[in-house]
Amino acid sequence: MSDSSMLERPTDAALEIRLHSPAPAVVVVRPAGELDLVSAPLLVERVQFQLRFHEHVVVDLRDITFLASSGLRGLLDVRKAACAAGVTLYLTSADTPGVARVLALTGLAEVLPIVAASTEELVASLVYAERLRKR
């Protein structure tokens, strides 16, 4: 099952969010652009909405070009909401220069659920596990 959509904030915010659901239990949220004071609430809103429908939420950070402190706060808020909902959250592609440096400097690389595997590898393993579970 695949559900792809592109969401844009109707302001000057430089963030675009794409959603893809490769399986009923899995959704990939892929923000692109700047994650800052203006755009972080949009990411939090979109991810929190997905928490209602999926067991696994993957946030792919490969296209984040700027990560501000409010973007970090948004990622922490998403982590807290996922824990409260009983949903497993994964952050992938956090090794891009703009993201990795900020996470390392703040120490949040140790707090957030960052996965070293690529988004594609992680999704393949989650989809495979879901198929095995249905047998």
C-alpha atoms as a PDB file:
ATOM      1  CA  MET A   1       0.000   0.000   0.000  1.00  0.00           C
ATOM      2  CA  SER A   2       1.423   3.352  -0.937  1.00  0.00           C
ATOM      3  CA  ASP A   3       0.132   6.760  -0.070  1.00  0.00           C
ATOM      4  CA  SER A   4       2.295   9.637  -1.159  1.00  0.00           C
ATOM      5  CA  SER A   5       1.429  13.249  -0.726  1.00  0.00           C
ATOM      6  CA  MET A   6       3.238  16.522  -0.633  1.00  0.00           C
ATOM      7  CA  LEU A   7       2.294  19.120   1.939  1.00  0.00           C
ATOM      8  CA  GLU A   8       3.463  22.692   1.919  1.00  0.00           C
ATOM      9  CA  ARG A   9       2.913  25.361   4.516  1.00  0.00           C
ATOM     10  CA  PRO A  10       1.010  28.279   2.973  1.00  0.00           C
ATOM     11  CA  THR A  11       3.547  30.809   4.320  1.00  0.00           C
ATOM     12  CA  ASP A  12       7.102  31.749   3.528  1.00  0.00           C
ATOM     13  CA  ALA A  13       8.357  28.741   5.481  1.00  0.00           C
ATOM     14  CA  ALA A  14      10.995  26.903   3.548  1.00  0.00           C
ATOM     15  CA  LEU A  15       9.808  23.390   4.417  1.00  0.00           C
ATOM     16  CA  GLU A  16       8.133  20.787   2.280  1.00  0.00           C
ATOM     17  CA  ILE A  17       6.931  17.492   3.759  1.00  0.00           C
ATOM     18  CA  ARG A  18       6.430  14.305   1.777  1.00  0.00           C
ATOM     19  CA  LEU A  19       4.670  11.250   3.149  1.00  0.00           C
ATOM     20  CA  HIS A  20       4.963   7.701   1.907  1.00  0.00           C
ATOM     21  CA  SER A  21       3.367   4.611   3.438  1.00  0.00           C
ATOM     22  CA  PRO A  22       5.015   1.485   2.004  1.00  0.00           C
ATOM     23  CA  ALA A  23       2.938  -0.740   4.316  1.00  0.00           C
ATOM     24  CA  PRO A  24      -0.056  -0.164   6.598  1.00  0.00           C
ATOM     25  CA  ALA A  25       2.102  -0.137   9.732  1.00  0.00           C
ATOM     26  CA  VAL A  26       4.893   2.046   8.312  1.00  0.00           C
ATOM     27  CA  VAL A  27       5.046   5.660   7.172  1.00  0.00           C
ATOM     28  CA  VAL A  28       8.029   7.677   6.007  1.00  0.00           C
ATOM     29  CA  VAL A  29       7.918  11.418   6.675  1.00  0.00           C
ATOM     30  CA  ARG A  30      10.483  13.280   4.599  1.00  0.00           C
ATOM     31  CA  PRO A  31      10.839  16.980   5.355  1.00  0.00           C
ATOM     32  CA  ALA A  32      12.905  19.084   2.961  1.00  0.00           C
ATOM     33  CA  GLY A  33      14.276  22.531   3.644  1.00  0.00           C
ATOM     34  CA  GLU A  34      14.776  24.504   6.814  1.00  0.00           C
ATOM     35  CA  LEU A  35      13.556  23.163  10.156  1.00  0.00           C
ATOM     36  CA  ASP A  36      13.229  26.294  12.255  1.00  0.00           C
ATOM     37  CA  LEU A  37      10.859  28.356  14.407  1.00  0.00           C
ATOM     38  CA  VAL A  38       8.346  28.786  11.589  1.00  0.00           C
ATOM     39  CA  SER A  39       8.444  25.301  10.087  1.00  0.00           C
ATOM     40  CA  ALA A  40       9.011  23.009  13.100  1.00  0.00           C
ATOM     41  CA  PRO A  41       5.353  23.155  14.238  1.00  0.00           C
ATOM     42  CA  LEU A  42       4.272  21.916  10.798  1.00  0.00           C
ATOM     43  CA  LEU A  43       6.561  18.883  11.039  1.00  0.00           C
ATOM     44  CA  VAL A  44       5.366  18.140  14.569  1.00  0.00           C
ATOM     45  CA  GLU A  45       1.721  18.406  13.467  1.00  0.00           C
ATOM     46  CA  ARG A  46       2.204  16.112  10.471  1.00  0.00           C
ATOM     47  CA  VAL A  47       4.108  13.473  12.440  1.00  0.00           C
ATOM     48  CA  GLN A  48       1.653  13.541  15.342  1.00  0.00           C
ATOM     49  CA  PHE A  49      -1.180  12.976  12.875  1.00  0.00           C
ATOM     50  CA  GLN A  50       0.624   9.918  11.456  1.00  0.00           C
ATOM     51  CA  LEU A  51       1.075   8.462  14.952  1.00  0.00           C
ATOM     52  CA  ARG A  52      -2.648   7.637  14.967  1.00  0.00           C
ATOM     53  CA  PHE A  53      -2.407   5.336  11.973  1.00  0.00           C
ATOM     54  CA  HIS A  54       0.990   3.626  11.981  1.00  0.00           C
ATOM     55  CA  GLU A  55       3.098   1.497  14.324  1.00  0.00           C
ATOM     56  CA  HIS A  56       6.369   2.762  12.862  1.00  0.00           C
ATOM     57  CA  VAL A  57       7.132   6.350  11.849  1.00  0.00           C
ATOM     58  CA  VAL A  58      10.378   7.028  10.008  1.00  0.00           C
ATOM     59  CA  VAL A  59      11.499  10.656   9.745  1.00  0.00           C
ATOM     60  CA  ASP A  60      14.074  10.928   6.955  1.00  0.00           C
ATOM     61  CA  LEU A  61      16.240  14.008   7.550  1.00  0.00           C
ATOM     62  CA  ARG A  62      18.357  13.799   4.378  1.00  0.00           C
ATOM     63  CA  ASP A  63      16.840  16.933   2.834  1.00  0.00           C
ATOM     64  CA  ILE A  64      17.030  19.203   5.885  1.00  0.00           C
ATOM     65  CA  THR A  65      19.248  22.136   4.918  1.00  0.00           C
ATOM     66  CA  PHE A  66      19.145  24.002   8.239  1.00  0.00           C
ATOM     67  CA  LEU A  67      18.326  22.762  11.734  1.00  0.00           C
ATOM     68  CA  ALA A  68      17.586  25.472  14.314  1.00  0.00           C
ATOM     69  CA  SER A  69      17.063  25.028  18.044  1.00  0.00           C
ATOM     70  CA  SER A  70      13.293  25.141  17.531  1.00  0.00           C
ATOM     71  CA  GLY A  71      13.683  22.321  15.011  1.00  0.00           C
ATOM     72  CA  LEU A  72      15.480  20.305  17.689  1.00  0.00           C
ATOM     73  CA  ARG A  73      12.637  21.065  20.088  1.00  0.00           C
ATOM     74  CA  GLY A  74      10.224  19.814  17.435  1.00  0.00           C
ATOM     75  CA  LEU A  75      12.127  16.542  17.084  1.00  0.00           C
ATOM     76  CA  LEU A  76      12.052  16.112  20.868  1.00  0.00           C
ATOM     77  CA  ASP A  77       8.302  16.827  20.879  1.00  0.00           C
ATOM     78  CA  VAL A  78       7.786  14.210  18.157  1.00  0.00           C
ATOM     79  CA  ARG A  79       9.811  11.686  20.179  1.00  0.00           C
ATOM     80  CA  LYS A  80       7.697  12.361  23.277  1.00  0.00           C
ATOM     81  CA  ALA A  81       4.428  12.051  21.323  1.00  0.00           C
ATOM     82  CA  ALA A  82       5.542   8.782  19.714  1.00  0.00           C
ATOM     83  CA  CYS A  83       6.441   7.320  23.115  1.00  0.00           C
ATOM     84  CA  ALA A  84       3.067   8.378  24.520  1.00  0.00           C
ATOM     85  CA  ALA A  85       1.264   6.798  21.546  1.00  0.00           C
ATOM     86  CA  GLY A  86       3.240   3.557  21.737  1.00  0.00           C
ATOM     87  CA  VAL A  87       4.639   4.124  18.256  1.00  0.00           C
ATOM     88  CA  THR A  88       8.235   3.425  17.312  1.00  0.00           C
ATOM     89  CA  LEU A  89       9.952   6.505  15.908  1.00  0.00           C
ATOM     90  CA  TYR A  90      13.106   6.355  13.796  1.00  0.00           C
ATOM     91  CA  LEU A  91      15.218   9.247  12.541  1.00  0.00           C
ATOM     92  CA  THR A  92      17.270   8.384   9.473  1.00  0.00           C
ATOM     93  CA  SER A  93      19.837  10.251   7.386  1.00  0.00           C
ATOM     94  CA  ALA A  94      20.876  12.310  10.396  1.00  0.00           C
ATOM     95  CA  ASP A  95      24.463  12.177   9.148  1.00  0.00           C
ATOM     96  CA  THR A  96      24.125  15.071   6.716  1.00  0.00           C
ATOM     97  CA  PRO A  97      26.468  17.951   7.639  1.00  0.00           C
ATOM     98  CA  GLY A  98      23.788  20.449   8.681  1.00  0.00           C
ATOM     99  CA  VAL A  99      22.001  17.940  10.879  1.00  0.00           C
ATOM    100  CA  ALA A 100      24.857  15.840  12.281  1.00  0.00           C
ATOM    101  CA  ARG A 101      26.845  18.822  13.543  1.00  0.00           C
ATOM    102  CA  VAL A 102      23.898  20.326  15.413  1.00  0.00           C
ATOM    103  CA  LEU A 103      22.936  16.978  16.950  1.00  0.00           C
ATOM    104  CA  ALA A 104      26.531  16.346  18.037  1.00  0.00           C
ATOM    105  CA  LEU A 105      27.040  19.827  19.511  1.00  0.00           C
ATOM    106  CA  THR A 106      23.817  19.660  21.515  1.00  0.00           C
ATOM    107  CA  GLY A 107      24.249  16.061  22.658  1.00  0.00           C
ATOM    108  CA  LEU A 108      20.857  15.151  21.220  1.00  0.00           C
ATOM    109  CA  ALA A 109      22.379  12.493  18.983  1.00  0.00           C
ATOM    110  CA  GLU A 110      22.394  10.358  22.141  1.00  0.00           C
ATOM    111  CA  VAL A 111      18.774  11.173  23.025  1.00  0.00           C
ATOM    112  CA  LEU A 112      16.889  11.009  19.732  1.00  0.00           C
ATOM    113  CA  PRO A 113      16.118   7.631  18.075  1.00  0.00           C
ATOM    114  CA  ILE A 114      18.681   7.940  15.293  1.00  0.00           C
ATOM    115  CA  VAL A 115      19.174   4.869  13.114  1.00  0.00           C
ATOM    116  CA  ALA A 116      22.420   4.332  11.176  1.00  0.00           C
ATOM    117  CA  ALA A 117      20.691   2.332   8.432  1.00  0.00           C
ATOM    118  CA  SER A 118      19.411   4.169   5.396  1.00  0.00           C
ATOM    119  CA  THR A 119      15.713   4.895   5.147  1.00  0.00           C
ATOM    120  CA  GLU A 120      15.382   2.324   2.396  1.00  0.00           C
ATOM    121  CA  GLU A 121      17.114  -0.404   4.431  1.00  0.00           C
ATOM    122  CA  LEU A 122      15.064   0.356   7.526  1.00  0.00           C
ATOM    123  CA  VAL A 123      11.769   0.417   5.643  1.00  0.00           C
ATOM    124  CA  ALA A 124      12.599  -2.856   3.886  1.00  0.00           C
ATOM    125  CA  SER A 125      13.252  -4.542   7.233  1.00  0.00           C
ATOM    126  CA  LEU A 126      10.065  -3.128   8.789  1.00  0.00           C
ATOM    127  CA  VAL A 127       7.923  -4.186   5.822  1.00  0.00           C
ATOM    128  CA  TYR A 128       9.507  -7.651   5.838  1.00  0.00           C
ATOM    129  CA  ALA A 129       8.861  -8.018   9.578  1.00  0.00           C
ATOM    130  CA  GLU A 130       5.238  -6.958   9.077  1.00  0.00           C
ATOM    131  CA  ARG A 131       4.756  -9.558   6.338  1.00  0.00           C
ATOM    132  CA  LEU A 132       6.216 -12.278   8.563  1.00  0.00           C
ATOM    133  CA  ARG A 133       3.918 -11.259  11.396  1.00  0.00           C
ATOM    134  CA  LYS A 134       0.858 -11.586   9.168  1.00  0.00           C
ATOM    135  CA  ARG A 135       1.646 -15.187   8.271  1.00  0.00           C
END
